[in-house]
Amino acid sequence: MVNITEFTSRLKKVIDFHQLTASMFADKIGVQRSSISHILSGRNKPSLDFILKVIAEFDEVDMYWLLNGKGTFPKNTNTPTPSLLNIETKSNEKNIERIVVFYNDGTFAEFKK
């Protein structure tokens, strides 16, 4: 279960991190300003829709951190991701020679290993 006092504290960290007022934050995530006021005061608990709007608008907010304090804020977005061009295949399989990206304007880009 979500501890509303701790949730409110974490929500305030998000608002402060982005240097927003409660009203600006409400406008940014698309909820009524009174909703933010009621959540920050502890009068109301956040809905699932509210949580989803926050994490959709702010990529650096981890849902688990926001709900129960586990994880980090801002979440680590610098985790290395494997490059398509560096993927190794088994020696008896086909290897990637090139990748072609087609854009909706009719142009394309070609990438060779």
N, C-alpha and C. Protein backbone atom coordinates (compact mmCIF):
# COMPACT_ATOMS: atom_id res chain seq x y z
N MET A 1 0.84 -1.18 0.00
CA MET A 1 0.00 0.00 0.00
C MET A 1 0.89 1.25 0.00
N VAL A 2 0.44 2.26 -0.69
CA VAL A 2 1.20 3.50 -0.82
C VAL A 2 1.03 4.36 0.43
N ASN A 3 2.14 4.78 1.00
CA ASN A 3 2.11 5.71 2.12
C ASN A 3 1.91 7.10 1.54
N ILE A 4 0.75 7.71 1.80
CA ILE A 4 0.39 8.99 1.16
C ILE A 4 1.35 10.11 1.55
N THR A 5 1.84 10.10 2.79
CA THR A 5 2.76 11.15 3.22
C THR A 5 4.08 11.07 2.45
N GLU A 6 4.60 9.85 2.32
CA GLU A 6 5.85 9.68 1.57
C GLU A 6 5.64 9.93 0.08
N PHE A 7 4.48 9.51 -0.45
CA PHE A 7 4.17 9.77 -1.86
C PHE A 7 4.16 11.27 -2.12
N THR A 8 3.50 12.00 -1.23
CA THR A 8 3.42 13.47 -1.38
C THR A 8 4.81 14.09 -1.37
N SER A 9 5.68 13.59 -0.51
CA SER A 9 7.05 14.09 -0.45
C SER A 9 7.78 13.85 -1.76
N ARG A 10 7.61 12.65 -2.33
CA ARG A 10 8.26 12.35 -3.61
C ARG A 10 7.68 13.18 -4.74
N LEU A 11 6.37 13.39 -4.72
CA LEU A 11 5.74 14.22 -5.76
C LEU A 11 6.27 15.65 -5.69
N LYS A 12 6.46 16.16 -4.48
CA LYS A 12 7.02 17.50 -4.31
C LYS A 12 8.44 17.58 -4.85
N LYS A 13 9.21 16.47 -4.72
CA LYS A 13 10.57 16.44 -5.27
C LYS A 13 10.53 16.58 -6.79
N VAL A 14 9.56 15.92 -7.42
CA VAL A 14 9.42 16.01 -8.89
C VAL A 14 9.08 17.45 -9.27
N ILE A 15 8.14 18.04 -8.56
CA ILE A 15 7.71 19.41 -8.86
C ILE A 15 8.87 20.37 -8.68
N ASP A 16 9.61 20.23 -7.58
CA ASP A 16 10.75 21.11 -7.31
C ASP A 16 11.88 20.89 -8.32
N PHE A 17 12.12 19.63 -8.69
CA PHE A 17 13.17 19.31 -9.65
C PHE A 17 12.96 20.06 -10.96
N HIS A 18 11.70 20.18 -11.38
CA HIS A 18 11.38 20.87 -12.63
C HIS A 18 11.06 22.35 -12.43
N GLN A 19 11.22 22.82 -11.21
CA GLN A 19 10.99 24.22 -10.86
C GLN A 19 9.60 24.68 -11.30
N LEU A 20 8.61 23.89 -10.94
CA LEU A 20 7.22 24.19 -11.29
C LEU A 20 6.44 24.53 -10.04
N THR A 21 5.40 25.30 -10.22
CA THR A 21 4.43 25.49 -9.15
C THR A 21 3.44 24.33 -9.24
N ALA A 22 2.64 24.17 -8.22
CA ALA A 22 1.63 23.10 -8.25
C ALA A 22 0.66 23.32 -9.41
N SER A 23 0.31 24.57 -9.68
CA SER A 23 -0.59 24.87 -10.79
C SER A 23 0.04 24.54 -12.13
N MET A 24 1.29 24.90 -12.29
CA MET A 24 1.99 24.59 -13.54
C MET A 24 2.12 23.09 -13.74
N PHE A 25 2.38 22.36 -12.64
CA PHE A 25 2.49 20.91 -12.70
C PHE A 25 1.16 20.30 -13.13
N ALA A 26 0.07 20.78 -12.55
CA ALA A 26 -1.26 20.28 -12.91
C ALA A 26 -1.54 20.50 -14.39
N ASP A 27 -1.24 21.69 -14.87
CA ASP A 27 -1.45 21.99 -16.30
C ASP A 27 -0.60 21.09 -17.19
N LYS A 28 0.63 20.85 -16.76
CA LYS A 28 1.56 20.06 -17.57
C LYS A 28 1.11 18.61 -17.72
N ILE A 29 0.54 18.02 -16.64
CA ILE A 29 0.11 16.63 -16.74
C ILE A 29 -1.36 16.50 -17.12
N GLY A 30 -2.06 17.63 -17.22
CA GLY A 30 -3.44 17.61 -17.70
C GLY A 30 -4.47 17.22 -16.67
N VAL A 31 -4.29 17.68 -15.43
CA VAL A 31 -5.30 17.45 -14.40
C VAL A 31 -5.73 18.79 -13.83
N GLN A 32 -6.84 18.78 -13.10
CA GLN A 32 -7.31 20.02 -12.50
C GLN A 32 -6.36 20.44 -11.39
N ARG A 33 -6.23 21.74 -11.23
CA ARG A 33 -5.33 22.26 -10.21
C ARG A 33 -5.77 21.84 -8.81
N SER A 34 -7.06 21.72 -8.60
CA SER A 34 -7.56 21.29 -7.30
C SER A 34 -7.13 19.86 -6.98
N SER A 35 -6.99 19.04 -8.01
CA SER A 35 -6.54 17.65 -7.79
C SER A 35 -5.15 17.63 -7.17
N ILE A 36 -4.26 18.46 -7.68
CA ILE A 36 -2.90 18.53 -7.14
C ILE A 36 -2.95 19.04 -5.71
N SER A 37 -3.74 20.06 -5.48
CA SER A 37 -3.87 20.62 -4.14
C SER A 37 -4.35 19.57 -3.14
N HIS A 38 -5.35 18.79 -3.53
CA HIS A 38 -5.90 17.78 -2.64
C HIS A 38 -4.91 16.65 -2.38
N ILE A 39 -4.13 16.28 -3.39
CA ILE A 39 -3.13 15.22 -3.21
C ILE A 39 -1.99 15.72 -2.34
N LEU A 40 -1.51 16.94 -2.61
CA LEU A 40 -0.40 17.48 -1.82
C LEU A 40 -0.77 17.72 -0.37
N SER A 41 -2.03 18.01 -0.11
CA SER A 41 -2.47 18.24 1.27
C SER A 41 -2.77 16.93 1.99
N GLY A 42 -2.83 15.83 1.26
CA GLY A 42 -3.14 14.54 1.86
C GLY A 42 -4.62 14.25 1.94
N ARG A 43 -5.43 15.13 1.42
CA ARG A 43 -6.89 14.93 1.46
C ARG A 43 -7.30 13.77 0.56
N ASN A 44 -6.73 13.69 -0.63
CA ASN A 44 -7.05 12.62 -1.58
C ASN A 44 -5.82 11.79 -1.88
N LYS A 45 -6.06 10.54 -2.24
CA LYS A 45 -4.98 9.67 -2.70
C LYS A 45 -4.93 9.78 -4.22
N PRO A 46 -3.75 9.60 -4.80
CA PRO A 46 -3.64 9.68 -6.26
C PRO A 46 -4.29 8.48 -6.94
N SER A 47 -4.92 8.72 -8.06
CA SER A 47 -5.52 7.64 -8.84
C SER A 47 -4.45 7.03 -9.74
N LEU A 48 -4.76 5.87 -10.29
CA LEU A 48 -3.86 5.25 -11.25
C LEU A 48 -3.68 6.15 -12.46
N ASP A 49 -4.75 6.78 -12.90
CA ASP A 49 -4.69 7.70 -14.04
C ASP A 49 -3.72 8.84 -13.75
N PHE A 50 -3.75 9.35 -12.54
CA PHE A 50 -2.85 10.43 -12.14
C PHE A 50 -1.40 9.97 -12.21
N ILE A 51 -1.11 8.79 -11.65
CA ILE A 51 0.25 8.24 -11.66
C ILE A 51 0.74 8.07 -13.09
N LEU A 52 -0.11 7.52 -13.95
CA LEU A 52 0.27 7.28 -15.34
C LEU A 52 0.53 8.59 -16.07
N LYS A 53 -0.22 9.63 -15.76
CA LYS A 53 0.02 10.93 -16.39
C LYS A 53 1.36 11.51 -15.97
N VAL A 54 1.71 11.34 -14.70
CA VAL A 54 3.00 11.86 -14.21
C VAL A 54 4.15 11.15 -14.91
N ILE A 55 4.12 9.82 -14.94
CA ILE A 55 5.25 9.11 -15.54
C ILE A 55 5.28 9.24 -17.06
N ALA A 56 4.14 9.52 -17.67
CA ALA A 56 4.13 9.74 -19.12
C ALA A 56 4.73 11.10 -19.47
N GLU A 57 4.50 12.08 -18.64
CA GLU A 57 4.99 13.44 -18.91
C GLU A 57 6.45 13.61 -18.53
N PHE A 58 6.88 12.94 -17.46
CA PHE A 58 8.24 13.11 -16.96
C PHE A 58 8.98 11.78 -17.06
N ASP A 59 9.81 11.65 -18.10
CA ASP A 59 10.51 10.39 -18.38
C ASP A 59 11.45 9.97 -17.27
N GLU A 60 11.97 10.91 -16.51
CA GLU A 60 12.94 10.57 -15.48
C GLU A 60 12.30 10.09 -14.19
N VAL A 61 10.97 10.06 -14.13
CA VAL A 61 10.27 9.58 -12.94
C VAL A 61 9.99 8.09 -13.08
N ASP A 62 10.53 7.31 -12.16
CA ASP A 62 10.31 5.88 -12.14
C ASP A 62 9.04 5.60 -11.33
N MET A 63 8.14 4.80 -11.87
CA MET A 63 6.86 4.54 -11.22
C MET A 63 7.06 3.91 -9.84
N TYR A 64 7.98 2.98 -9.74
CA TYR A 64 8.21 2.31 -8.45
C TYR A 64 8.76 3.29 -7.42
N TRP A 65 9.61 4.19 -7.85
CA TRP A 65 10.12 5.21 -6.94
C TRP A 65 8.98 6.12 -6.49
N LEU A 66 8.15 6.55 -7.42
CA LEU A 66 7.07 7.45 -7.08
C LEU A 66 6.09 6.80 -6.11
N LEU A 67 5.78 5.54 -6.33
CA LEU A 67 4.79 4.86 -5.50
C LEU A 67 5.32 4.41 -4.15
N ASN A 68 6.52 3.83 -4.12
CA ASN A 68 6.99 3.28 -2.84
C ASN A 68 8.42 3.63 -2.47
N GLY A 69 9.04 4.54 -3.20
CA GLY A 69 10.37 5.01 -2.83
C GLY A 69 11.51 4.10 -3.25
N LYS A 70 11.22 3.00 -3.93
CA LYS A 70 12.28 2.10 -4.38
C LYS A 70 12.77 2.54 -5.75
N GLY A 71 14.08 2.59 -5.90
CA GLY A 71 14.65 3.07 -7.14
C GLY A 71 15.28 4.43 -6.91
N THR A 72 15.50 5.15 -7.98
CA THR A 72 16.16 6.46 -7.88
C THR A 72 15.36 7.52 -8.61
N PHE A 73 15.60 8.74 -8.23
CA PHE A 73 15.05 9.89 -8.95
C PHE A 73 16.16 10.90 -9.09
N PRO A 74 16.40 11.41 -10.28
CA PRO A 74 15.84 10.94 -11.53
C PRO A 74 16.38 9.57 -11.87
N LYS A 75 15.56 8.79 -12.57
CA LYS A 75 15.99 7.43 -12.87
C LYS A 75 17.16 7.46 -13.83
N ASN A 76 17.98 6.44 -13.74
CA ASN A 76 19.20 6.36 -14.53
C ASN A 76 18.83 6.06 -15.98
N THR A 77 18.95 7.05 -16.85
CA THR A 77 18.65 6.87 -18.27
C THR A 77 19.91 6.65 -19.08
N ASN A 78 21.05 6.55 -18.40
CA ASN A 78 22.33 6.38 -19.11
C ASN A 78 22.77 4.92 -19.16
N THR A 79 21.82 4.00 -18.96
CA THR A 79 22.20 2.60 -19.03
C THR A 79 22.58 2.26 -20.46
N PRO A 80 23.67 1.58 -20.65
CA PRO A 80 24.11 1.28 -22.01
C PRO A 80 23.14 0.34 -22.71
N THR A 81 22.86 0.64 -23.95
CA THR A 81 22.02 -0.23 -24.76
C THR A 81 22.86 -0.74 -25.91
N PRO A 82 22.69 -1.98 -26.25
CA PRO A 82 23.52 -2.52 -27.33
C PRO A 82 23.18 -1.88 -28.66
N SER A 83 24.20 -1.58 -29.41
CA SER A 83 24.01 -1.02 -30.74
C SER A 83 23.66 -2.14 -31.70
N LEU A 84 22.78 -1.87 -32.64
CA LEU A 84 22.44 -2.87 -33.64
C LEU A 84 23.66 -3.29 -34.44
N LEU A 85 24.58 -2.36 -34.63
CA LEU A 85 25.75 -2.68 -35.44
C LEU A 85 26.78 -3.50 -34.68
N ASN A 86 26.65 -3.60 -33.36
CA ASN A 86 27.61 -4.35 -32.56
C ASN A 86 27.08 -5.71 -32.13
N ILE A 87 25.92 -6.09 -32.60
CA ILE A 87 25.36 -7.38 -32.22
C ILE A 87 26.13 -8.48 -32.93
N GLU A 88 26.65 -9.39 -32.16
CA GLU A 88 27.39 -10.51 -32.72
C GLU A 88 26.43 -11.68 -32.93
N THR A 89 26.60 -12.38 -34.03
CA THR A 89 25.79 -13.56 -34.29
C THR A 89 26.69 -14.78 -34.27
N LYS A 90 26.08 -15.94 -34.19
CA LYS A 90 26.86 -17.17 -34.20
C LYS A 90 27.60 -17.27 -35.54
N SER A 91 28.74 -17.91 -35.51
CA SER A 91 29.59 -17.95 -36.71
C SER A 91 28.95 -18.65 -37.89
N ASN A 92 28.00 -19.56 -37.65
CA ASN A 92 27.38 -20.27 -38.76
C ASN A 92 26.10 -19.59 -39.23
N GLU A 93 25.77 -18.44 -38.69
CA GLU A 93 24.58 -17.71 -39.09
C GLU A 93 24.96 -16.52 -39.96
N LYS A 94 23.96 -15.88 -40.51
CA LYS A 94 24.19 -14.71 -41.35
C LYS A 94 24.58 -13.52 -40.48
N ASN A 95 25.42 -12.65 -41.02
CA ASN A 95 25.82 -11.43 -40.34
C ASN A 95 25.15 -10.23 -40.99
N ILE A 96 24.96 -9.20 -40.21
CA ILE A 96 24.37 -7.97 -40.73
C ILE A 96 25.41 -7.25 -41.56
N GLU A 97 25.05 -6.96 -42.80
CA GLU A 97 25.96 -6.25 -43.69
C GLU A 97 25.64 -4.76 -43.70
N ARG A 98 24.35 -4.43 -43.74
CA ARG A 98 23.95 -3.03 -43.75
C ARG A 98 22.51 -2.93 -43.25
N ILE A 99 22.16 -1.74 -42.78
CA ILE A 99 20.80 -1.44 -42.34
C ILE A 99 20.34 -0.22 -43.11
N VAL A 100 19.15 -0.30 -43.69
CA VAL A 100 18.59 0.81 -44.45
C VAL A 100 17.33 1.28 -43.73
N VAL A 101 17.27 2.59 -43.46
CA VAL A 101 16.11 3.20 -42.81
C VAL A 101 15.39 4.05 -43.84
N PHE A 102 14.10 3.78 -44.04
CA PHE A 102 13.29 4.55 -44.98
C PHE A 102 12.44 5.54 -44.22
N TYR A 103 12.46 6.81 -44.62
CA TYR A 103 11.70 7.86 -43.97
C TYR A 103 10.41 8.11 -44.74
N ASN A 104 9.41 8.69 -44.05
CA ASN A 104 8.11 8.89 -44.68
C ASN A 104 8.12 9.98 -45.76
N ASP A 105 9.21 10.73 -45.90
CA ASP A 105 9.29 11.73 -46.96
C ASP A 105 9.91 11.15 -48.24
N GLY A 106 10.15 9.83 -48.27
CA GLY A 106 10.70 9.18 -49.43
C GLY A 106 12.22 9.06 -49.44
N THR A 107 12.89 9.65 -48.46
CA THR A 107 14.34 9.54 -48.38
C THR A 107 14.72 8.31 -47.55
N PHE A 108 16.00 7.99 -47.59
CA PHE A 108 16.48 6.87 -46.79
C PHE A 108 17.90 7.12 -46.36
N ALA A 109 18.33 6.36 -45.35
CA ALA A 109 19.70 6.41 -44.87
C ALA A 109 20.21 4.98 -44.79
N GLU A 110 21.48 4.80 -45.15
CA GLU A 110 22.06 3.47 -45.14
C GLU A 110 23.23 3.44 -44.16
N PHE A 111 23.27 2.41 -43.35
CA PHE A 111 24.32 2.26 -42.36
C PHE A 111 25.03 0.94 -42.62
N LYS A 112 26.36 1.03 -42.76
CA LYS A 112 27.17 -0.17 -43.00
C LYS A 112 28.00 -0.45 -41.77
N LYS A 113 28.26 -1.72 -41.53
CA LYS A 113 29.05 -2.14 -40.36
C LYS A 113 30.49 -1.73 -40.52
